[in-house]
Amino acid sequence: MEPTRRQLLAGAGAAAVGGLAGCTGRLTAEGTAFAAAGATLPRDAQRETGYTHHRTEEMTASRRFRIGRTVEVTSIVAEYD
């Protein structure tokens, strides 16, 4: 069975939408940011292991690339003693 013109156009449209989904920032000069979710040790586990929460610190690194794009990455570090 040979595909019809309508099926080819629908397939090409679906491929284009799927290919650009979430990636429109690549076509513009916008920056990109990534952030981690903080992890915590449940209180039961703290009691069982003897660990206590000391501090939580958010660290952000930013880098600008030659193509004019900036990428920002945020990490969250939780310290237990």
PDB file of N, CA and C in Angstrom:
ATOM      1  N   MET A   1       0.839  -1.171   0.000  1.00  0.00           N
ATOM      2  CA  MET A   1       0.000   0.000   0.000  1.00  0.00           C
ATOM      3  C   MET A   1       0.889   1.240   0.000  1.00  0.00           C
ATOM      4  N   GLU A   2       0.603   2.153  -0.876  1.00  0.00           N
ATOM      5  CA  GLU A   2       1.380   3.375  -1.010  1.00  0.00           C
ATOM      6  C   GLU A   2       0.729   4.492  -0.191  1.00  0.00           C
ATOM      7  N   PRO A   3       1.537   5.267   0.596  1.00  0.00           N
ATOM      8  CA  PRO A   3       0.939   6.328   1.416  1.00  0.00           C
ATOM      9  C   PRO A   3       0.371   7.455   0.549  1.00  0.00           C
ATOM     10  N   THR A   4      -0.705   8.038   1.026  1.00  0.00           N
ATOM     11  CA  THR A   4      -1.319   9.151   0.311  1.00  0.00           C
ATOM     12  C   THR A   4      -0.600  10.444   0.671  1.00  0.00           C
ATOM     13  N   ARG A   5      -0.852  11.474  -0.094  1.00  0.00           N
ATOM     14  CA  ARG A   5      -0.250  12.785   0.166  1.00  0.00           C
ATOM     15  C   ARG A   5      -0.644  13.281   1.556  1.00  0.00           C
ATOM     16  N   ARG A   6      -1.878  13.072   1.934  1.00  0.00           N
ATOM     17  CA  ARG A   6      -2.375  13.505   3.243  1.00  0.00           C
ATOM     18  C   ARG A   6      -1.611  12.796   4.371  1.00  0.00           C
ATOM     19  N   GLN A   7      -1.368  11.496   4.210  1.00  0.00           N
ATOM     20  CA  GLN A   7      -0.625  10.744   5.224  1.00  0.00           C
ATOM     21  C   GLN A   7       0.822  11.231   5.319  1.00  0.00           C
ATOM     22  N   LEU A   8       1.436  11.538   4.188  1.00  0.00           N
ATOM     23  CA  LEU A   8       2.807  12.052   4.193  1.00  0.00           C
ATOM     24  C   LEU A   8       2.887  13.411   4.882  1.00  0.00           C
ATOM     25  N   LEU A   9       1.942  14.298   4.583  1.00  0.00           N
ATOM     26  CA  LEU A   9       1.927  15.620   5.217  1.00  0.00           C
ATOM     27  C   LEU A   9       1.672  15.512   6.717  1.00  0.00           C
ATOM     28  N   ALA A  10       0.772  14.633   7.110  1.00  0.00           N
ATOM     29  CA  ALA A  10       0.494  14.441   8.534  1.00  0.00           C
ATOM     30  C   ALA A  10       1.725  13.882   9.248  1.00  0.00           C
ATOM     31  N   GLY A  11       2.407  12.951   8.617  1.00  0.00           N
ATOM     32  CA  GLY A  11       3.620  12.380   9.202  1.00  0.00           C
ATOM     33  C   GLY A  11       4.730  13.410   9.322  1.00  0.00           C
ATOM     34  N   ALA A  12       4.901  14.242   8.296  1.00  0.00           N
ATOM     35  CA  ALA A  12       5.926  15.285   8.335  1.00  0.00           C
ATOM     36  C   ALA A  12       5.602  16.321   9.407  1.00  0.00           C
ATOM     37  N   GLY A  13       4.336  16.675   9.533  1.00  0.00           N
ATOM     38  CA  GLY A  13       3.928  17.630  10.576  1.00  0.00           C
ATOM     39  C   GLY A  13       4.155  17.080  11.966  1.00  0.00           C
ATOM     40  N   ALA A  14       3.818  15.820  12.171  1.00  0.00           N
ATOM     41  CA  ALA A  14       4.029  15.190  13.477  1.00  0.00           C
ATOM     42  C   ALA A  14       5.515  15.105  13.798  1.00  0.00           C
ATOM     43  N   ALA A  15       6.334  14.801  12.814  1.00  0.00           N
ATOM     44  CA  ALA A  15       7.782  14.723  13.027  1.00  0.00           C
ATOM     45  C   ALA A  15       8.352  16.099  13.366  1.00  0.00           C
ATOM     46  N   ALA A  16       7.868  17.145  12.695  1.00  0.00           N
ATOM     47  CA  ALA A  16       8.351  18.501  12.969  1.00  0.00           C
ATOM     48  C   ALA A  16       7.971  18.943  14.375  1.00  0.00           C
ATOM     49  N   VAL A  17       6.735  18.696  14.772  1.00  0.00           N
ATOM     50  CA  VAL A  17       6.291  19.066  16.122  1.00  0.00           C
ATOM     51  C   VAL A  17       7.066  18.270  17.167  1.00  0.00           C
ATOM     52  N   GLY A  18       7.232  16.993  16.950  1.00  0.00           N
ATOM     53  CA  GLY A  18       7.986  16.157  17.887  1.00  0.00           C
ATOM     54  C   GLY A  18       9.444  16.565  17.967  1.00  0.00           C
ATOM     55  N   GLY A  19      10.011  16.951  16.844  1.00  0.00           N
ATOM     56  CA  GLY A  19      11.411  17.362  16.822  1.00  0.00           C
ATOM     57  C   GLY A  19      11.664  18.674  17.525  1.00  0.00           C
ATOM     58  N   LEU A  20      10.676  19.559  17.519  1.00  0.00           N
ATOM     59  CA  LEU A  20      10.841  20.868  18.152  1.00  0.00           C
ATOM     60  C   LEU A  20      10.239  20.945  19.548  1.00  0.00           C
ATOM     61  N   ALA A  21       9.597  19.909  20.009  1.00  0.00           N
ATOM     62  CA  ALA A  21       8.933  19.938  21.319  1.00  0.00           C
ATOM     63  C   ALA A  21       9.947  20.237  22.418  1.00  0.00           C
ATOM     64  N   GLY A  22       9.736  21.339  23.090  1.00  0.00           N
ATOM     65  CA  GLY A  22      10.616  21.722  24.182  1.00  0.00           C
ATOM     66  C   GLY A  22      11.947  22.276  23.730  1.00  0.00           C
ATOM     67  N   CYS A  23      12.150  22.458  22.456  1.00  0.00           N
ATOM     68  CA  CYS A  23      13.451  22.897  21.958  1.00  0.00           C
ATOM     69  C   CYS A  23      13.386  24.235  21.240  1.00  0.00           C
ATOM     70  N   THR A  24      12.318  24.979  21.392  1.00  0.00           N
ATOM     71  CA  THR A  24      12.219  26.249  20.671  1.00  0.00           C
ATOM     72  C   THR A  24      13.229  27.256  21.173  1.00  0.00           C
ATOM     73  N   GLY A  25      13.717  27.102  22.391  1.00  0.00           N
ATOM     74  CA  GLY A  25      14.754  27.993  22.904  1.00  0.00           C
ATOM     75  C   GLY A  25      16.024  27.904  22.080  1.00  0.00           C
ATOM     76  N   ARG A  26      16.260  26.791  21.430  1.00  0.00           N
ATOM     77  CA  ARG A  26      17.441  26.638  20.586  1.00  0.00           C
ATOM     78  C   ARG A  26      17.366  27.530  19.358  1.00  0.00           C
ATOM     79  N   LEU A  27      16.170  27.876  18.948  1.00  0.00           N
ATOM     80  CA  LEU A  27      16.007  28.720  17.773  1.00  0.00           C
ATOM     81  C   LEU A  27      16.097  30.192  18.119  1.00  0.00           C
ATOM     82  N   THR A  28      15.970  30.534  19.382  1.00  0.00           N
ATOM     83  CA  THR A  28      16.053  31.918  19.827  1.00  0.00           C
ATOM     84  C   THR A  28      17.313  32.092  20.651  1.00  0.00           C
ATOM     85  N   ALA A  29      17.561  33.301  21.110  1.00  0.00           N
ATOM     86  CA  ALA A  29      18.775  33.591  21.878  1.00  0.00           C
ATOM     87  C   ALA A  29      18.558  33.424  23.378  1.00  0.00           C
ATOM     88  N   GLU A  30      17.514  32.725  23.783  1.00  0.00           N
ATOM     89  CA  GLU A  30      17.230  32.552  25.206  1.00  0.00           C
ATOM     90  C   GLU A  30      18.276  31.679  25.872  1.00  0.00           C
ATOM     91  N   GLY A  31      18.440  31.876  27.172  1.00  0.00           N
ATOM     92  CA  GLY A  31      19.326  31.018  27.943  1.00  0.00           C
ATOM     93  C   GLY A  31      18.596  29.761  28.369  1.00  0.00           C
ATOM     94  N   THR A  32      19.352  28.842  28.903  1.00  0.00           N
ATOM     95  CA  THR A  32      18.793  27.586  29.374  1.00  0.00           C
ATOM     96  C   THR A  32      19.177  27.412  30.830  1.00  0.00           C
ATOM     97  N   ALA A  33      18.245  26.930  31.650  1.00  0.00           N
ATOM     98  CA  ALA A  33      18.521  26.728  33.073  1.00  0.00           C
ATOM     99  C   ALA A  33      18.082  25.328  33.489  1.00  0.00           C
ATOM    100  N   PHE A  34      18.905  24.722  34.318  1.00  0.00           N
ATOM    101  CA  PHE A  34      18.609  23.409  34.878  1.00  0.00           C
ATOM    102  C   PHE A  34      18.740  23.521  36.385  1.00  0.00           C
ATOM    103  N   ALA A  35      17.816  22.921  37.126  1.00  0.00           N
ATOM    104  CA  ALA A  35      17.868  22.981  38.593  1.00  0.00           C
ATOM    105  C   ALA A  35      17.584  21.598  39.168  1.00  0.00           C
ATOM    106  N   ALA A  36      18.357  21.260  40.177  1.00  0.00           N
ATOM    107  CA  ALA A  36      18.170  19.977  40.861  1.00  0.00           C
ATOM    108  C   ALA A  36      17.145  20.140  41.971  1.00  0.00           C
ATOM    109  N   ALA A  37      16.472  19.071  42.283  1.00  0.00           N
ATOM    110  CA  ALA A  37      15.568  19.068  43.434  1.00  0.00           C
ATOM    111  C   ALA A  37      16.377  18.638  44.654  1.00  0.00           C
ATOM    112  N   GLY A  38      16.115  19.259  45.769  1.00  0.00           N
ATOM    113  CA  GLY A  38      16.834  18.918  46.987  1.00  0.00           C
ATOM    114  C   GLY A  38      16.444  17.546  47.508  1.00  0.00           C
ATOM    115  N   ALA A  39      17.416  16.832  48.029  1.00  0.00           N
ATOM    116  CA  ALA A  39      17.157  15.513  48.613  1.00  0.00           C
ATOM    117  C   ALA A  39      17.334  15.610  50.124  1.00  0.00           C
ATOM    118  N   THR A  40      16.463  14.959  50.852  1.00  0.00           N
ATOM    119  CA  THR A  40      16.572  14.962  52.307  1.00  0.00           C
ATOM    120  C   THR A  40      16.553  13.532  52.818  1.00  0.00           C
ATOM    121  N   LEU A  41      17.180  13.343  53.944  1.00  0.00           N
ATOM    122  CA  LEU A  41      17.188  12.043  54.600  1.00  0.00           C
ATOM    123  C   LEU A  41      16.021  12.023  55.577  1.00  0.00           C
ATOM    124  N   PRO A  42      15.097  11.084  55.447  1.00  0.00           N
ATOM    125  CA  PRO A  42      13.942  11.042  56.349  1.00  0.00           C
ATOM    126  C   PRO A  42      14.376  10.937  57.815  1.00  0.00           C
ATOM    127  N   ARG A  43      13.571  11.495  58.702  1.00  0.00           N
ATOM    128  CA  ARG A  43      13.901  11.511  60.141  1.00  0.00           C
ATOM    129  C   ARG A  43      14.131  10.103  60.701  1.00  0.00           C
ATOM    130  N   ASP A  44      13.343   9.129  60.264  1.00  0.00           N
ATOM    131  CA  ASP A  44      13.539   7.749  60.727  1.00  0.00           C
ATOM    132  C   ASP A  44      14.942   7.257  60.370  1.00  0.00           C
ATOM    133  N   ALA A  45      15.368   7.550  59.151  1.00  0.00           N
ATOM    134  CA  ALA A  45      16.702   7.131  58.712  1.00  0.00           C
ATOM    135  C   ALA A  45      17.787   7.887  59.475  1.00  0.00           C
ATOM    136  N   GLN A  46      17.531   9.164  59.793  1.00  0.00           N
ATOM    137  CA  GLN A  46      18.503   9.932  60.579  1.00  0.00           C
ATOM    138  C   GLN A  46      18.684   9.309  61.958  1.00  0.00           C
ATOM    139  N   ARG A  47      17.579   8.951  62.591  1.00  0.00           N
ATOM    140  CA  ARG A  47      17.657   8.325  63.919  1.00  0.00           C
ATOM    141  C   ARG A  47      18.376   6.977  63.849  1.00  0.00           C
ATOM    142  N   GLU A  48      18.047   6.212  62.828  1.00  0.00           N
ATOM    143  CA  GLU A  48      18.615   4.871  62.683  1.00  0.00           C
ATOM    144  C   GLU A  48      20.127   4.905  62.424  1.00  0.00           C
ATOM    145  N   THR A  49      20.578   5.893  61.652  1.00  0.00           N
ATOM    146  CA  THR A  49      21.997   5.976  61.287  1.00  0.00           C
ATOM    147  C   THR A  49      22.799   6.898  62.192  1.00  0.00           C
ATOM    148  N   GLY A  50      22.104   7.739  62.956  1.00  0.00           N
ATOM    149  CA  GLY A  50      22.802   8.685  63.819  1.00  0.00           C
ATOM    150  C   GLY A  50      23.192   9.977  63.118  1.00  0.00           C
ATOM    151  N   TYR A  51      22.791  10.133  61.865  1.00  0.00           N
ATOM    152  CA  TYR A  51      23.097  11.364  61.141  1.00  0.00           C
ATOM    153  C   TYR A  51      22.144  12.478  61.558  1.00  0.00           C
ATOM    154  N   THR A  52      22.651  13.707  61.557  1.00  0.00           N
ATOM    155  CA  THR A  52      21.804  14.879  61.782  1.00  0.00           C
ATOM    156  C   THR A  52      22.072  15.880  60.666  1.00  0.00           C
ATOM    157  N   HIS A  53      21.035  16.574  60.268  1.00  0.00           N
ATOM    158  CA  HIS A  53      21.161  17.563  59.196  1.00  0.00           C
ATOM    159  C   HIS A  53      21.976  18.744  59.694  1.00  0.00           C
ATOM    160  N   HIS A  54      23.017  19.077  58.952  1.00  0.00           N
ATOM    161  CA  HIS A  54      23.888  20.190  59.332  1.00  0.00           C
ATOM    162  C   HIS A  54      23.506  21.457  58.573  1.00  0.00           C
ATOM    163  N   ARG A  55      23.421  21.350  57.238  1.00  0.00           N
ATOM    164  CA  ARG A  55      23.038  22.512  56.423  1.00  0.00           C
ATOM    165  C   ARG A  55      22.681  22.069  55.007  1.00  0.00           C
ATOM    166  N   THR A  56      21.968  22.948  54.320  1.00  0.00           N
ATOM    167  CA  THR A  56      21.641  22.754  52.911  1.00  0.00           C
ATOM    168  C   THR A  56      22.093  23.998  52.172  1.00  0.00           C
ATOM    169  N   GLU A  57      22.824  23.799  51.096  1.00  0.00           N
ATOM    170  CA  GLU A  57      23.382  24.926  50.351  1.00  0.00           C
ATOM    171  C   GLU A  57      23.020  24.801  48.879  1.00  0.00           C
ATOM    172  N   GLU A  58      22.633  25.914  48.284  1.00  0.00           N
ATOM    173  CA  GLU A  58      22.306  25.960  46.862  1.00  0.00           C
ATOM    174  C   GLU A  58      23.495  26.568  46.129  1.00  0.00           C
ATOM    175  N   MET A  59      23.987  25.864  45.118  1.00  0.00           N
ATOM    176  CA  MET A  59      25.135  26.339  44.353  1.00  0.00           C
ATOM    177  C   MET A  59      24.712  26.507  42.898  1.00  0.00           C
ATOM    178  N   THR A  60      24.983  27.694  42.338  1.00  0.00           N
ATOM    179  CA  THR A  60      24.601  27.977  40.959  1.00  0.00           C
ATOM    180  C   THR A  60      25.842  28.293  40.140  1.00  0.00           C
ATOM    181  N   ALA A  61      25.956  27.665  38.996  1.00  0.00           N
ATOM    182  CA  ALA A  61      27.052  27.925  38.063  1.00  0.00           C
ATOM    183  C   ALA A  61      26.442  28.397  36.753  1.00  0.00           C
ATOM    184  N   SER A  62      27.037  29.423  36.172  1.00  0.00           N
ATOM    185  CA  SER A  62      26.534  29.981  34.927  1.00  0.00           C
ATOM    186  C   SER A  62      27.690  30.052  33.930  1.00  0.00           C
ATOM    187  N   ARG A  63      27.420  29.678  32.696  1.00  0.00           N
ATOM    188  CA  ARG A  63      28.463  29.724  31.671  1.00  0.00           C
ATOM    189  C   ARG A  63      27.870  30.222  30.366  1.00  0.00           C
ATOM    190  N   ARG A  64      28.565  31.171  29.746  1.00  0.00           N
ATOM    191  CA  ARG A  64      28.135  31.708  28.455  1.00  0.00           C
ATOM    192  C   ARG A  64      28.997  31.070  27.369  1.00  0.00           C
ATOM    193  N   PHE A  65      28.355  30.565  26.336  1.00  0.00           N
ATOM    194  CA  PHE A  65      29.062  29.893  25.254  1.00  0.00           C
ATOM    195  C   PHE A  65      29.253  30.833  24.066  1.00  0.00           C
ATOM    196  N   ARG A  66      30.180  30.488  23.189  1.00  0.00           N
ATOM    197  CA  ARG A  66      30.519  31.347  22.047  1.00  0.00           C
ATOM    198  C   ARG A  66      29.342  31.618  21.122  1.00  0.00           C
ATOM    199  N   ILE A  67      28.364  30.753  21.129  1.00  0.00           N
ATOM    200  CA  ILE A  67      27.219  30.948  20.233  1.00  0.00           C
ATOM    201  C   ILE A  67      26.223  31.954  20.805  1.00  0.00           C
ATOM    202  N   GLY A  68      26.576  32.563  21.953  1.00  0.00           N
ATOM    203  CA  GLY A  68      25.719  33.581  22.543  1.00  0.00           C
ATOM    204  C   GLY A  68      24.666  33.046  23.487  1.00  0.00           C
ATOM    205  N   ARG A  69      24.783  31.803  23.888  1.00  0.00           N
ATOM    206  CA  ARG A  69      23.808  31.197  24.800  1.00  0.00           C
ATOM    207  C   ARG A  69      24.417  31.069  26.183  1.00  0.00           C
ATOM    208  N   THR A  70      23.592  31.269  27.192  1.00  0.00           N
ATOM    209  CA  THR A  70      24.018  31.105  28.575  1.00  0.00           C
ATOM    210  C   THR A  70      23.295  29.908  29.170  1.00  0.00           C
ATOM    211  N   VAL A  71      24.045  29.068  29.869  1.00  0.00           N
ATOM    212  CA  VAL A  71      23.479  27.904  30.551  1.00  0.00           C
ATOM    213  C   VAL A  71      23.723  28.081  32.037  1.00  0.00           C
ATOM    214  N   GLU A  72      22.669  27.923  32.814  1.00  0.00           N
ATOM    215  CA  GLU A  72      22.758  28.056  34.269  1.00  0.00           C
ATOM    216  C   GLU A  72      22.329  26.739  34.912  1.00  0.00           C
ATOM    217  N   VAL A  73      23.184  26.229  35.810  1.00  0.00           N
ATOM    218  CA  VAL A  73      22.916  24.959  36.483  1.00  0.00           C
ATOM    219  C   VAL A  73      22.899  25.204  37.985  1.00  0.00           C
ATOM    220  N   THR A  74      21.836  24.768  38.654  1.00  0.00           N
ATOM    221  CA  THR A  74      21.715  24.926  40.100  1.00  0.00           C
ATOM    222  C   THR A  74      21.705  23.553  40.756  1.00  0.00           C
ATOM    223  N   SER A  75      22.628  23.366  41.700  1.00  0.00           N
ATOM    224  CA  SER A  75      22.716  22.123  42.471  1.00  0.00           C
ATOM    225  C   SER A  75      22.380  22.426  43.921  1.00  0.00           C
ATOM    226  N   ILE A  76      21.829  21.453  44.612  1.00  0.00           N
ATOM    227  CA  ILE A  76      21.515  21.610  46.031  1.00  0.00           C
ATOM    228  C   ILE A  76      22.291  20.546  46.791  1.00  0.00           C
ATOM    229  N   VAL A  77      23.108  20.998  47.749  1.00  0.00           N
ATOM    230  CA  VAL A  77      23.943  20.092  48.533  1.00  0.00           C
ATOM    231  C   VAL A  77      23.423  20.077  49.960  1.00  0.00           C
ATOM    232  N   ALA A  78      23.071  18.899  50.455  1.00  0.00           N
ATOM    233  CA  ALA A  78      22.626  18.739  51.841  1.00  0.00           C
ATOM    234  C   ALA A  78      23.744  18.033  52.601  1.00  0.00           C
ATOM    235  N   GLU A  79      24.146  18.612  53.726  1.00  0.00           N
ATOM    236  CA  GLU A  79      25.241  18.055  54.513  1.00  0.00           C
ATOM    237  C   GLU A  79      24.707  17.474  55.814  1.00  0.00           C
ATOM    238  N   TYR A  80      25.086  16.229  56.060  1.00  0.00           N
ATOM    239  CA  TYR A  80      24.692  15.533  57.285  1.00  0.00           C
ATOM    240  C   TYR A  80      25.952  15.121  58.031  1.00  0.00           C
ATOM    241  N   ASP A  81      25.916  15.202  59.363  1.00  0.00           N
ATOM    242  CA  ASP A  81      27.057  14.791  60.201  1.00  0.00           C
ATOM    243  C   ASP A  81      26.695  13.560  60.989  1.00  0.00           C
TER     244      ASP A  81
END
